[in-house]
């Protein structure tokens, strides 16, 4: 079963072009099913380069680029992704900005049928880098990435379906598909939806907690504020201040600031959330309690 064609939907919504197409049911696909195995030697070069590129190091850029480039020669798609990111932004005194080199690397990822490559190409098209129609061309790549299970593409399209297309149910399916792949930003967006659209605060905070467990520093920042006695009630979703939880989440936030790659897989078990003072554990299910 093929996923719902959001490309056709957004051509209609954004451009007003009448499009006749079969709208198929959404089928959640996981990106891992499209990813090739990585060459062991290339992986070793990639890991060494990634370690050298961490912010708390001196970062020998020439050597980092050399290591990534050697890995790229062996079709290591993660190295292509990281090296292209360096060329897209450039680093003063280290890597000269070169948009064409970034595009070439994204195209190589696409040639290897890597979902992230389609998403990356869409992102650079969004900056109108050498394309004739950035709106529809970018959407084509975004739709392709989502159909291959890329979590970032699924999350972005989920937001567009909800907030532009008024297709909440479908948008949530896209976003949940990304979330179940361990993508923290998808859980963060689910939290925002239940907080802002549904005003279901206990469900929202649960998604914030999941996002934090998956390393989302924005969720960590919000979680530490929620239980802070100095936070205004409306910004704390009317949860009661809790010094112990505030300390815990502030510590997790600081850990992520120092080490962005950290994950906290046992967070929900180690620190169960308290019930909301008026909505309990789910505003739509009075009396429901999670399994402890």
Protein backbone atom coordinates (compact mmCIF):
# COMPACT_ATOMS: atom_id res chain seq x y z
CA UNK A 1 0.00 0.00 0.00
CA UNK A 2 1.36 3.43 -0.96
CA UNK A 3 1.11 6.48 1.29
CA UNK A 4 -1.34 9.32 0.79
CA UNK A 5 -0.05 11.69 -1.90
CA UNK A 6 0.36 14.96 -0.06
CA UNK A 7 2.11 16.40 -3.10
CA UNK A 8 -1.19 16.38 -4.97
CA UNK A 9 -3.03 17.81 -1.97
CA UNK A 10 -0.66 20.74 -1.56
CA UNK A 11 -0.59 21.57 -5.24
CA UNK A 12 -4.30 22.15 -4.82
CA UNK A 13 -4.02 23.99 -1.50
CA UNK A 14 -1.01 26.17 -2.27
CA UNK A 15 -1.25 26.84 -6.01
CA UNK A 16 -4.97 26.41 -6.57
CA UNK A 17 -4.28 24.03 -9.47
CA UNK A 18 -7.11 21.51 -9.85
CA UNK A 19 -5.45 18.11 -9.52
CA UNK A 20 -7.14 14.81 -10.27
CA UNK A 21 -5.42 12.02 -8.37
CA UNK A 22 -6.25 8.91 -6.42
CA UNK A 23 -5.84 9.64 -2.72
CA UNK A 24 -4.62 6.45 -1.11
CA UNK A 25 -4.74 5.65 2.62
CA UNK A 26 -1.65 6.61 4.58
CA UNK A 27 0.80 3.78 5.25
CA UNK A 28 3.53 4.37 7.82
CA UNK A 29 6.93 3.44 6.42
CA UNK A 30 10.13 3.40 8.46
CA UNK A 31 13.26 4.97 7.02
CA UNK A 32 15.51 2.14 8.24
CA UNK A 33 13.94 -0.19 5.67
CA UNK A 34 15.47 1.95 2.89
CA UNK A 35 18.94 2.40 4.32
CA UNK A 36 21.85 0.35 2.93
CA UNK A 37 24.50 -1.26 5.10
CA UNK A 38 27.55 0.91 5.67
CA UNK A 39 31.07 0.02 4.68
CA UNK A 40 33.00 -0.72 7.93
CA UNK A 41 36.11 1.26 6.94
CA UNK A 42 33.99 4.22 5.83
CA UNK A 43 32.09 4.04 9.09
CA UNK A 44 35.34 4.22 11.04
CA UNK A 45 36.40 7.35 9.12
CA UNK A 46 32.94 8.84 9.65
CA UNK A 47 33.00 8.22 13.40
CA UNK A 48 36.47 9.73 13.70
CA UNK A 49 35.40 12.84 11.77
CA UNK A 50 32.21 13.24 13.80
CA UNK A 51 34.19 13.00 17.03
CA UNK A 52 36.71 15.60 15.85
CA UNK A 53 33.86 17.93 14.82
CA UNK A 54 32.30 18.11 18.28
CA UNK A 55 32.00 21.70 19.57
CA UNK A 56 34.26 21.19 22.59
CA UNK A 57 37.26 20.26 20.42
CA UNK A 58 39.74 22.36 18.43
CA UNK A 59 38.18 20.91 15.28
CA UNK A 60 40.91 20.37 12.66
CA UNK A 61 38.66 21.13 9.70
CA UNK A 62 41.04 20.02 6.95
CA UNK A 63 41.33 16.58 8.50
CA UNK A 64 37.59 16.38 9.19
CA UNK A 65 36.79 17.16 5.56
CA UNK A 66 39.40 14.64 4.44
CA UNK A 67 37.89 11.88 6.60
CA UNK A 68 34.35 12.63 5.49
CA UNK A 69 35.47 12.74 1.85
CA UNK A 70 37.16 9.34 2.12
CA UNK A 71 33.98 7.91 3.61
CA UNK A 72 31.94 9.49 0.82
CA UNK A 73 34.08 7.66 -1.74
CA UNK A 74 32.76 4.44 -0.21
CA UNK A 75 29.14 5.63 -0.43
CA UNK A 76 28.75 6.42 3.25
CA UNK A 77 25.53 8.48 3.17
CA UNK A 78 25.91 9.89 6.69
CA UNK A 79 29.29 11.30 5.73
CA UNK A 80 27.67 12.86 2.65
CA UNK A 81 25.04 14.43 4.89
CA UNK A 82 27.56 15.88 7.35
CA UNK A 83 30.01 17.07 4.72
CA UNK A 84 27.22 18.76 2.76
CA UNK A 85 26.09 20.52 5.92
CA UNK A 86 29.59 21.95 6.33
CA UNK A 87 29.61 23.20 2.75
CA UNK A 88 26.11 24.67 3.10
CA UNK A 89 27.00 26.88 6.03
CA UNK A 90 30.78 27.12 5.95
CA UNK A 91 32.95 27.53 9.04
CA UNK A 92 35.16 30.60 9.43
CA UNK A 93 38.77 29.61 9.29
CA UNK A 94 37.82 26.04 8.50
CA UNK A 95 35.45 25.13 5.64
CA UNK A 96 34.63 27.50 2.80
CA UNK A 97 30.91 27.78 1.99
CA UNK A 98 30.14 26.03 -1.31
CA UNK A 99 26.46 25.52 -2.12
CA UNK A 100 27.16 23.60 -5.31
CA UNK A 101 29.27 21.02 -3.46
CA UNK A 102 26.42 20.56 -0.99
CA UNK A 103 23.91 20.08 -3.82
CA UNK A 104 26.22 17.56 -5.50
CA UNK A 105 26.42 15.54 -2.29
CA UNK A 106 22.64 15.63 -1.85
CA UNK A 107 22.24 14.47 -5.43
CA UNK A 108 24.62 11.59 -4.74
CA UNK A 109 22.46 10.60 -1.76
CA UNK A 110 19.40 10.71 -4.01
CA UNK A 111 21.16 8.55 -6.60
CA UNK A 112 21.72 6.02 -3.80
CA UNK A 113 17.98 6.31 -2.94
CA UNK A 114 18.66 7.61 0.58
CA UNK A 115 15.51 9.20 2.12
CA UNK A 116 17.52 11.90 3.92
CA UNK A 117 18.95 12.97 0.57
CA UNK A 118 15.50 13.83 -0.77
CA UNK A 119 14.73 15.78 2.40
CA UNK A 120 18.05 17.62 2.24
CA UNK A 121 17.51 18.58 -1.39
CA UNK A 122 14.10 19.94 -0.47
CA UNK A 123 15.66 22.02 2.29
CA UNK A 124 18.22 23.59 -0.01
CA UNK A 125 15.53 24.17 -2.64
CA UNK A 126 13.65 26.07 0.05
CA UNK A 127 16.48 28.58 -0.14
CA UNK A 128 15.88 28.85 -3.93
CA UNK A 129 19.34 27.57 -4.79
CA UNK A 130 19.33 27.05 -8.53
CA UNK A 131 15.76 25.83 -9.12
CA UNK A 132 12.96 27.26 -11.24
CA UNK A 133 9.99 26.52 -9.00
CA UNK A 134 11.06 26.15 -5.36
CA UNK A 135 7.50 25.73 -4.04
CA UNK A 136 6.45 22.71 -6.09
CA UNK A 137 9.93 21.27 -6.75
CA UNK A 138 10.73 21.30 -3.05
CA UNK A 139 7.41 19.68 -2.24
CA UNK A 140 8.16 16.85 -4.67
CA UNK A 141 11.35 15.98 -2.76
CA UNK A 142 9.60 16.39 0.60
CA UNK A 143 6.81 14.04 -0.42
CA UNK A 144 9.33 11.48 -1.70
CA UNK A 145 11.28 11.60 1.57
CA UNK A 146 8.08 11.14 3.59
CA UNK A 147 6.96 8.18 1.49
CA UNK A 148 10.31 6.58 2.31
CA UNK A 149 9.75 7.15 6.03
CA UNK A 150 12.10 10.07 6.68
CA UNK A 151 11.05 11.35 10.12
CA UNK A 152 11.84 15.02 9.44
CA UNK A 153 9.80 14.98 6.22
CA UNK A 154 6.91 13.17 7.91
CA UNK A 155 6.90 15.73 10.72
CA UNK A 156 7.00 18.71 8.39
CA UNK A 157 4.20 17.38 6.23
CA UNK A 158 2.21 16.48 9.32
CA UNK A 159 2.36 20.11 10.43
CA UNK A 160 1.31 21.34 7.00
CA UNK A 161 -1.61 18.93 6.87
CA UNK A 162 -2.80 20.04 10.31
CA UNK A 163 -2.25 23.78 10.19
CA UNK A 164 -2.62 24.50 6.46
CA UNK A 165 -4.71 21.66 5.09
CA UNK A 166 -7.04 21.34 8.11
CA UNK A 167 -6.52 17.58 7.97
CA UNK A 168 -5.73 16.94 11.62
CA UNK A 169 -6.31 13.20 11.61
CA UNK A 170 -4.04 12.62 8.63
CA UNK A 171 -1.42 15.06 9.88
CA UNK A 172 -1.28 13.26 13.21
CA UNK A 173 -0.72 9.94 11.42
CA UNK A 174 2.29 11.42 9.63
CA UNK A 175 3.69 12.91 12.83
CA UNK A 176 3.10 9.77 14.90
CA UNK A 177 4.87 7.71 12.23
CA UNK A 178 7.92 9.91 12.70
CA UNK A 179 7.62 9.81 16.50
CA UNK A 180 7.60 6.03 16.67
CA UNK A 181 10.96 6.02 14.90
CA UNK A 182 12.50 7.80 17.88
CA UNK A 183 12.44 11.28 16.33
CA UNK A 184 12.22 13.70 19.24
CA UNK A 185 10.97 16.67 17.23
CA UNK A 186 7.91 14.70 16.14
CA UNK A 187 6.93 14.13 19.76
CA UNK A 188 7.61 17.82 20.41
CA UNK A 189 5.16 18.75 17.63
CA UNK A 190 2.57 16.31 18.98
CA UNK A 191 2.93 17.97 22.37
CA UNK A 192 2.40 21.41 20.83
CA UNK A 193 -0.72 20.16 19.03
CA UNK A 194 -2.33 18.76 22.18
CA UNK A 195 -1.34 21.84 24.16
CA UNK A 196 -2.41 24.54 21.71
CA UNK A 197 -5.15 22.94 19.63
CA UNK A 198 -6.70 20.45 22.02
CA UNK A 199 -5.86 22.08 25.38
CA UNK A 200 -5.25 18.54 26.65
CA UNK A 201 -2.35 19.36 28.95
CA UNK A 202 -1.60 15.91 30.42
CA UNK A 203 -1.31 14.41 26.94
CA UNK A 204 0.84 17.36 25.86
CA UNK A 205 3.25 17.00 28.76
CA UNK A 206 3.55 13.27 28.09
CA UNK A 207 4.71 14.01 24.53
CA UNK A 208 7.12 16.65 25.83
CA UNK A 209 8.55 14.03 28.17
CA UNK A 210 8.92 11.56 25.28
CA UNK A 211 10.65 14.22 23.20
CA UNK A 212 13.06 14.93 26.04
CA UNK A 213 13.80 11.23 26.42
CA UNK A 214 14.78 11.27 22.73
CA UNK A 215 17.16 14.18 23.25
CA UNK A 216 15.04 17.21 22.30
CA UNK A 217 16.51 20.17 24.18
CA UNK A 218 13.48 22.38 23.50
CA UNK A 219 11.29 19.86 25.30
CA UNK A 220 13.81 19.74 28.15
CA UNK A 221 13.62 23.53 28.48
CA UNK A 222 9.83 23.45 28.66
CA UNK A 223 9.75 20.56 31.12
CA UNK A 224 12.01 22.36 33.57
CA UNK A 225 9.83 25.47 33.32
CA UNK A 226 6.58 23.60 33.89
CA UNK A 227 7.46 22.60 37.45
CA UNK A 228 9.28 25.84 38.33
CA UNK A 229 7.49 27.85 41.02
CA UNK A 230 8.45 31.07 39.22
CA UNK A 231 6.68 30.10 35.99
CA UNK A 232 3.30 31.73 35.40
CA UNK A 233 0.45 29.16 35.57
CA UNK A 234 -0.58 29.54 31.92
CA UNK A 235 2.97 28.82 30.76
CA UNK A 236 3.13 25.80 33.08
CA UNK A 237 -0.15 24.47 31.65
CA UNK A 238 -1.52 24.99 35.17
CA UNK A 239 0.58 22.18 36.66
CA UNK A 240 1.50 22.62 40.29
CA UNK A 241 5.12 23.61 41.05
CA UNK A 242 7.33 20.74 42.10
CA UNK A 243 10.86 21.49 43.29
CA UNK A 244 12.05 17.90 42.93
CA UNK A 245 10.83 17.60 39.32
CA UNK A 246 12.13 21.05 38.51
CA UNK A 247 15.58 20.00 39.71
CA UNK A 248 15.46 16.76 37.72
CA UNK A 249 14.44 18.40 34.46
CA UNK A 250 16.81 21.31 34.88
CA UNK A 251 19.63 18.80 35.29
CA UNK A 252 18.54 16.91 32.14
CA UNK A 253 18.39 20.19 30.23
CA UNK A 254 21.92 21.08 31.32
CA UNK A 255 23.15 17.62 30.31
CA UNK A 256 21.74 18.09 26.82
CA UNK A 257 23.35 21.52 26.52
CA UNK A 258 26.70 19.88 27.23
CA UNK A 259 26.12 16.70 25.22
CA UNK A 260 23.35 16.99 22.55
CA UNK A 261 23.63 13.32 21.59
CA UNK A 262 22.44 12.12 25.01
CA UNK A 263 19.24 10.06 25.25
CA UNK A 264 17.24 9.08 28.34
CA UNK A 265 15.40 5.86 27.46
CA UNK A 266 14.21 5.12 31.01
CA UNK A 267 13.03 8.66 31.78
CA UNK A 268 9.31 7.92 31.75
CA UNK A 269 9.74 4.91 34.03
CA UNK A 270 12.16 6.64 36.39
CA UNK A 271 10.13 9.85 36.74
CA UNK A 272 6.40 9.25 36.21
CA UNK A 273 4.45 12.42 35.58
CA UNK A 274 1.99 13.65 38.21
CA UNK A 275 -1.69 14.03 37.28
CA UNK A 276 -2.88 17.42 36.14
CA UNK A 277 -4.79 19.24 38.92
CA UNK A 278 -8.01 19.41 36.86
CA UNK A 279 -7.51 17.15 33.83
CA UNK A 280 -5.93 14.11 35.47
CA UNK A 281 -3.83 12.03 33.09
CA UNK A 282 -5.94 12.69 29.99
CA UNK A 283 -8.56 15.41 29.64
CA UNK A 284 -10.54 13.27 27.20
CA UNK A 285 -10.62 10.20 29.48
CA UNK A 286 -11.70 11.15 33.00
CA UNK A 287 -10.58 8.63 35.57
CA UNK A 288 -7.96 7.02 33.29
CA UNK A 289 -4.58 6.25 34.86
CA UNK A 290 -1.38 5.07 33.17
CA UNK A 291 0.15 1.74 34.06
CA UNK A 292 2.76 2.17 36.74
